[in-house]
Amino acid sequence: MIEVELQIPAHTSSEHVVRVVEQVCISDGLTCARNGTLAGYPSCIHWHFKLGTQKGTLEITWWETINRLWFKVARGRTGDWMDGNIARLKRKIEDSL
């Protein structure tokens, strides 16, 4: 499993974080395959992003309660497209916030 933390400036609105995550991922060619929440992180926003029909799912979670945004790639959900994309997405999202 891979987890990557993103740096979020203090006092950034939740709406801005959501908008930036979705815009950056879509502009990078990713498709949102799922958008919901996770029981372990009350009131979080959780996405599953995919790249076309390629194997792999990038999970992104925003938990406003503790100002935490992170990427996760679960075991068995990796894809060849992820290595370069994760670093680029992290940089683009952080720069846009």
N, C-alpha and C. Protein backbone atom coordinates (compact mmCIF):
# COMPACT_ATOMS: atom_id res chain seq x y z
N MET A 1 0.83 -1.17 0.00
CA MET A 1 0.00 0.00 0.00
C MET A 1 0.88 1.25 0.00
N ILE A 2 0.43 2.25 -0.73
CA ILE A 2 1.14 3.53 -0.81
C ILE A 2 0.23 4.61 -0.25
N GLU A 3 0.77 5.47 0.62
CA GLU A 3 0.04 6.65 1.08
C GLU A 3 0.95 7.86 0.90
N VAL A 4 0.39 8.92 0.34
CA VAL A 4 1.13 10.16 0.12
C VAL A 4 0.33 11.31 0.71
N GLU A 5 0.93 12.02 1.65
CA GLU A 5 0.28 13.17 2.28
C GLU A 5 0.51 14.41 1.42
N LEU A 6 -0.51 15.25 1.34
CA LEU A 6 -0.40 16.53 0.65
C LEU A 6 -0.44 17.64 1.69
N GLN A 7 0.28 18.72 1.43
CA GLN A 7 0.33 19.85 2.34
C GLN A 7 -0.80 20.81 1.99
N ILE A 8 -1.64 21.12 2.98
CA ILE A 8 -2.78 22.00 2.80
C ILE A 8 -2.55 23.25 3.65
N PRO A 9 -2.58 24.44 3.02
CA PRO A 9 -2.43 25.66 3.81
C PRO A 9 -3.56 25.77 4.84
N ALA A 10 -3.24 26.29 5.99
CA ALA A 10 -4.24 26.50 7.04
C ALA A 10 -5.34 27.41 6.50
N HIS A 11 -6.54 27.17 6.97
CA HIS A 11 -7.71 27.99 6.64
C HIS A 11 -8.13 27.90 5.17
N THR A 12 -7.73 26.85 4.47
CA THR A 12 -8.19 26.64 3.10
C THR A 12 -9.60 26.05 3.19
N SER A 13 -10.52 26.60 2.45
CA SER A 13 -11.90 26.12 2.53
C SER A 13 -12.03 24.73 1.92
N SER A 14 -12.95 23.99 2.47
CA SER A 14 -13.20 22.64 1.98
C SER A 14 -13.65 22.68 0.52
N GLU A 15 -14.48 23.65 0.18
CA GLU A 15 -14.97 23.78 -1.19
C GLU A 15 -13.82 23.99 -2.16
N HIS A 16 -12.83 24.79 -1.75
CA HIS A 16 -11.67 25.04 -2.61
C HIS A 16 -10.85 23.76 -2.80
N VAL A 17 -10.63 23.02 -1.72
CA VAL A 17 -9.87 21.77 -1.82
C VAL A 17 -10.57 20.81 -2.78
N VAL A 18 -11.86 20.63 -2.62
CA VAL A 18 -12.63 19.72 -3.48
C VAL A 18 -12.53 20.15 -4.94
N ARG A 19 -12.73 21.43 -5.19
CA ARG A 19 -12.68 21.95 -6.55
C ARG A 19 -11.30 21.73 -7.18
N VAL A 20 -10.24 22.02 -6.43
CA VAL A 20 -8.88 21.85 -6.94
C VAL A 20 -8.58 20.38 -7.24
N VAL A 21 -8.90 19.49 -6.29
CA VAL A 21 -8.64 18.06 -6.50
C VAL A 21 -9.33 17.59 -7.78
N GLU A 22 -10.61 17.90 -7.92
CA GLU A 22 -11.36 17.42 -9.07
C GLU A 22 -10.85 18.04 -10.37
N GLN A 23 -10.59 19.34 -10.38
CA GLN A 23 -10.11 20.00 -11.59
C GLN A 23 -8.74 19.49 -12.02
N VAL A 24 -7.83 19.34 -11.07
CA VAL A 24 -6.48 18.87 -11.40
C VAL A 24 -6.53 17.44 -11.94
N CYS A 25 -7.28 16.58 -11.29
CA CYS A 25 -7.35 15.19 -11.73
C CYS A 25 -7.99 15.08 -13.12
N ILE A 26 -9.07 15.80 -13.34
CA ILE A 26 -9.73 15.76 -14.65
C ILE A 26 -8.82 16.34 -15.73
N SER A 27 -8.13 17.43 -15.42
CA SER A 27 -7.23 18.03 -16.42
C SER A 27 -6.05 17.12 -16.73
N ASP A 28 -5.77 16.19 -15.84
CA ASP A 28 -4.69 15.21 -16.05
C ASP A 28 -5.20 13.95 -16.75
N GLY A 29 -6.46 13.95 -17.16
CA GLY A 29 -7.00 12.82 -17.91
C GLY A 29 -7.61 11.73 -17.06
N LEU A 30 -7.74 11.97 -15.75
CA LEU A 30 -8.32 10.96 -14.87
C LEU A 30 -9.83 11.07 -14.85
N THR A 31 -10.49 9.97 -14.58
CA THR A 31 -11.94 9.90 -14.48
C THR A 31 -12.30 9.51 -13.06
N CYS A 32 -13.28 10.19 -12.50
CA CYS A 32 -13.76 9.85 -11.17
C CYS A 32 -14.69 8.64 -11.29
N ALA A 33 -14.24 7.52 -10.76
CA ALA A 33 -15.03 6.29 -10.82
C ALA A 33 -15.95 6.15 -9.62
N ARG A 34 -15.67 6.89 -8.57
CA ARG A 34 -16.49 6.82 -7.36
C ARG A 34 -16.23 8.05 -6.52
N ASN A 35 -17.27 8.56 -5.88
CA ASN A 35 -17.15 9.70 -4.99
C ASN A 35 -18.08 9.43 -3.81
N GLY A 36 -17.53 9.43 -2.61
CA GLY A 36 -18.35 9.12 -1.45
C GLY A 36 -17.64 9.53 -0.17
N THR A 37 -17.80 8.70 0.85
CA THR A 37 -17.18 8.96 2.15
C THR A 37 -16.69 7.62 2.71
N LEU A 38 -15.93 7.68 3.78
CA LEU A 38 -15.41 6.48 4.43
C LEU A 38 -15.87 6.46 5.88
N ALA A 39 -16.32 5.32 6.35
CA ALA A 39 -16.83 5.19 7.72
C ALA A 39 -15.78 5.56 8.76
N GLY A 40 -14.53 5.26 8.49
CA GLY A 40 -13.46 5.52 9.45
C GLY A 40 -13.06 6.98 9.56
N TYR A 41 -13.53 7.80 8.62
CA TYR A 41 -13.19 9.22 8.59
C TYR A 41 -14.49 10.02 8.41
N PRO A 42 -15.24 10.23 9.49
CA PRO A 42 -16.55 10.88 9.40
C PRO A 42 -16.49 12.22 8.66
N SER A 43 -17.41 12.40 7.76
CA SER A 43 -17.57 13.63 6.98
C SER A 43 -16.46 13.87 5.96
N CYS A 44 -15.65 12.86 5.68
CA CYS A 44 -14.60 13.02 4.68
C CYS A 44 -15.21 12.96 3.27
N ILE A 45 -14.42 13.38 2.29
CA ILE A 45 -14.78 13.20 0.89
C ILE A 45 -13.73 12.27 0.31
N HIS A 46 -14.19 11.23 -0.35
CA HIS A 46 -13.30 10.17 -0.83
C HIS A 46 -13.60 9.88 -2.30
N TRP A 47 -12.55 9.94 -3.12
CA TRP A 47 -12.69 9.69 -4.56
C TRP A 47 -11.88 8.47 -4.96
N HIS A 48 -12.31 7.83 -6.04
CA HIS A 48 -11.53 6.81 -6.76
C HIS A 48 -11.32 7.36 -8.16
N PHE A 49 -10.06 7.52 -8.56
CA PHE A 49 -9.75 8.01 -9.90
C PHE A 49 -9.05 6.92 -10.70
N LYS A 50 -9.39 6.86 -11.98
CA LYS A 50 -8.80 5.89 -12.90
C LYS A 50 -8.31 6.64 -14.13
N LEU A 51 -7.41 6.00 -14.88
CA LEU A 51 -6.91 6.56 -16.13
C LEU A 51 -7.39 5.68 -17.27
N GLY A 52 -8.46 6.13 -17.91
CA GLY A 52 -9.03 5.37 -19.02
C GLY A 52 -9.37 3.95 -18.61
N THR A 53 -8.95 3.01 -19.44
CA THR A 53 -9.22 1.60 -19.15
C THR A 53 -8.00 0.91 -18.54
N GLN A 54 -6.97 1.70 -18.20
CA GLN A 54 -5.77 1.11 -17.63
C GLN A 54 -6.04 0.59 -16.21
N LYS A 55 -5.28 -0.40 -15.85
CA LYS A 55 -5.38 -0.99 -14.52
C LYS A 55 -4.92 0.02 -13.47
N GLY A 56 -5.59 0.02 -12.33
CA GLY A 56 -5.16 0.84 -11.20
C GLY A 56 -6.20 1.85 -10.77
N THR A 57 -6.26 2.06 -9.46
CA THR A 57 -7.18 3.04 -8.87
C THR A 57 -6.42 3.89 -7.87
N LEU A 58 -6.48 5.20 -8.07
CA LEU A 58 -5.89 6.15 -7.14
C LEU A 58 -7.00 6.67 -6.25
N GLU A 59 -6.87 6.42 -4.95
CA GLU A 59 -7.84 6.92 -3.99
C GLU A 59 -7.32 8.23 -3.42
N ILE A 60 -8.22 9.21 -3.32
CA ILE A 60 -7.87 10.50 -2.72
C ILE A 60 -8.91 10.79 -1.65
N THR A 61 -8.44 11.18 -0.47
CA THR A 61 -9.35 11.46 0.63
C THR A 61 -9.05 12.84 1.20
N TRP A 62 -10.11 13.62 1.38
CA TRP A 62 -10.04 14.94 2.03
C TRP A 62 -10.85 14.86 3.31
N TRP A 63 -10.17 15.06 4.44
CA TRP A 63 -10.83 15.03 5.74
C TRP A 63 -10.67 16.40 6.37
N GLU A 64 -11.66 17.24 6.14
CA GLU A 64 -11.62 18.63 6.59
C GLU A 64 -11.44 18.73 8.11
N THR A 65 -12.02 17.82 8.85
CA THR A 65 -11.98 17.85 10.31
C THR A 65 -10.57 18.05 10.85
N ILE A 66 -9.59 17.42 10.22
CA ILE A 66 -8.20 17.58 10.68
C ILE A 66 -7.30 18.17 9.59
N ASN A 67 -7.93 18.77 8.56
CA ASN A 67 -7.19 19.43 7.47
C ASN A 67 -6.18 18.47 6.83
N ARG A 68 -6.65 17.27 6.47
CA ARG A 68 -5.77 16.25 5.91
C ARG A 68 -6.26 15.83 4.52
N LEU A 69 -5.33 15.83 3.58
CA LEU A 69 -5.58 15.36 2.22
C LEU A 69 -4.50 14.36 1.88
N TRP A 70 -4.90 13.18 1.37
CA TRP A 70 -3.89 12.18 1.04
C TRP A 70 -4.33 11.30 -0.11
N PHE A 71 -3.30 10.75 -0.78
CA PHE A 71 -3.48 9.76 -1.84
C PHE A 71 -3.25 8.40 -1.23
N LYS A 72 -3.95 7.41 -1.76
CA LYS A 72 -3.72 6.03 -1.33
C LYS A 72 -3.85 5.12 -2.55
N VAL A 73 -2.94 4.17 -2.63
CA VAL A 73 -3.05 3.11 -3.62
C VAL A 73 -3.02 1.81 -2.84
N ALA A 74 -4.14 1.11 -2.82
CA ALA A 74 -4.25 -0.14 -2.07
C ALA A 74 -3.53 -1.27 -2.81
N ARG A 75 -3.10 -2.24 -2.04
CA ARG A 75 -2.50 -3.43 -2.65
C ARG A 75 -3.46 -4.03 -3.65
N GLY A 76 -2.96 -4.41 -4.78
CA GLY A 76 -3.79 -4.99 -5.82
C GLY A 76 -4.49 -3.97 -6.69
N ARG A 77 -4.29 -2.69 -6.41
CA ARG A 77 -4.94 -1.64 -7.21
C ARG A 77 -3.91 -0.73 -7.89
N THR A 78 -2.69 -1.21 -8.02
CA THR A 78 -1.65 -0.41 -8.65
C THR A 78 -1.79 -0.48 -10.17
N GLY A 79 -1.18 0.50 -10.82
CA GLY A 79 -1.17 0.54 -12.28
C GLY A 79 0.11 1.21 -12.75
N ASP A 80 0.54 0.88 -13.96
CA ASP A 80 1.78 1.44 -14.49
C ASP A 80 1.74 2.96 -14.60
N TRP A 81 0.59 3.53 -14.76
CA TRP A 81 0.45 4.98 -14.95
C TRP A 81 0.65 5.78 -13.66
N MET A 82 0.65 5.13 -12.53
CA MET A 82 0.63 5.84 -11.26
C MET A 82 1.96 6.46 -10.84
N ASP A 83 3.06 5.79 -11.11
CA ASP A 83 4.35 6.27 -10.59
C ASP A 83 4.60 7.73 -10.92
N GLY A 84 4.56 8.10 -12.16
CA GLY A 84 4.81 9.48 -12.55
C GLY A 84 3.66 10.40 -12.22
N ASN A 85 2.46 9.90 -12.31
CA ASN A 85 1.28 10.74 -12.10
C ASN A 85 1.12 11.19 -10.65
N ILE A 86 1.41 10.35 -9.70
CA ILE A 86 1.20 10.70 -8.29
C ILE A 86 2.04 11.92 -7.90
N ALA A 87 3.30 11.92 -8.26
CA ALA A 87 4.17 13.05 -7.92
C ALA A 87 3.68 14.32 -8.62
N ARG A 88 3.30 14.21 -9.88
CA ARG A 88 2.83 15.37 -10.63
C ARG A 88 1.52 15.91 -10.07
N LEU A 89 0.58 15.01 -9.76
CA LEU A 89 -0.70 15.43 -9.19
C LEU A 89 -0.51 16.11 -7.84
N LYS A 90 0.37 15.55 -7.03
CA LYS A 90 0.66 16.13 -5.71
C LYS A 90 1.16 17.56 -5.88
N ARG A 91 2.11 17.75 -6.76
CA ARG A 91 2.68 19.08 -7.00
C ARG A 91 1.63 20.05 -7.52
N LYS A 92 0.83 19.60 -8.49
CA LYS A 92 -0.20 20.47 -9.09
C LYS A 92 -1.26 20.87 -8.06
N ILE A 93 -1.71 19.92 -7.27
CA ILE A 93 -2.73 20.22 -6.26
C ILE A 93 -2.17 21.17 -5.21
N GLU A 94 -0.99 20.88 -4.68
CA GLU A 94 -0.40 21.76 -3.67
C GLU A 94 -0.15 23.16 -4.22
N ASP A 95 0.31 23.27 -5.46
CA ASP A 95 0.55 24.58 -6.06
C ASP A 95 -0.75 25.36 -6.26
N SER A 96 -1.84 24.65 -6.51
CA SER A 96 -3.12 25.30 -6.76
C SER A 96 -3.84 25.71 -5.47
N LEU A 97 -3.42 25.16 -4.35
CA LEU A 97 -4.05 25.50 -3.09
C LEU A 97 -3.36 26.70 -2.47
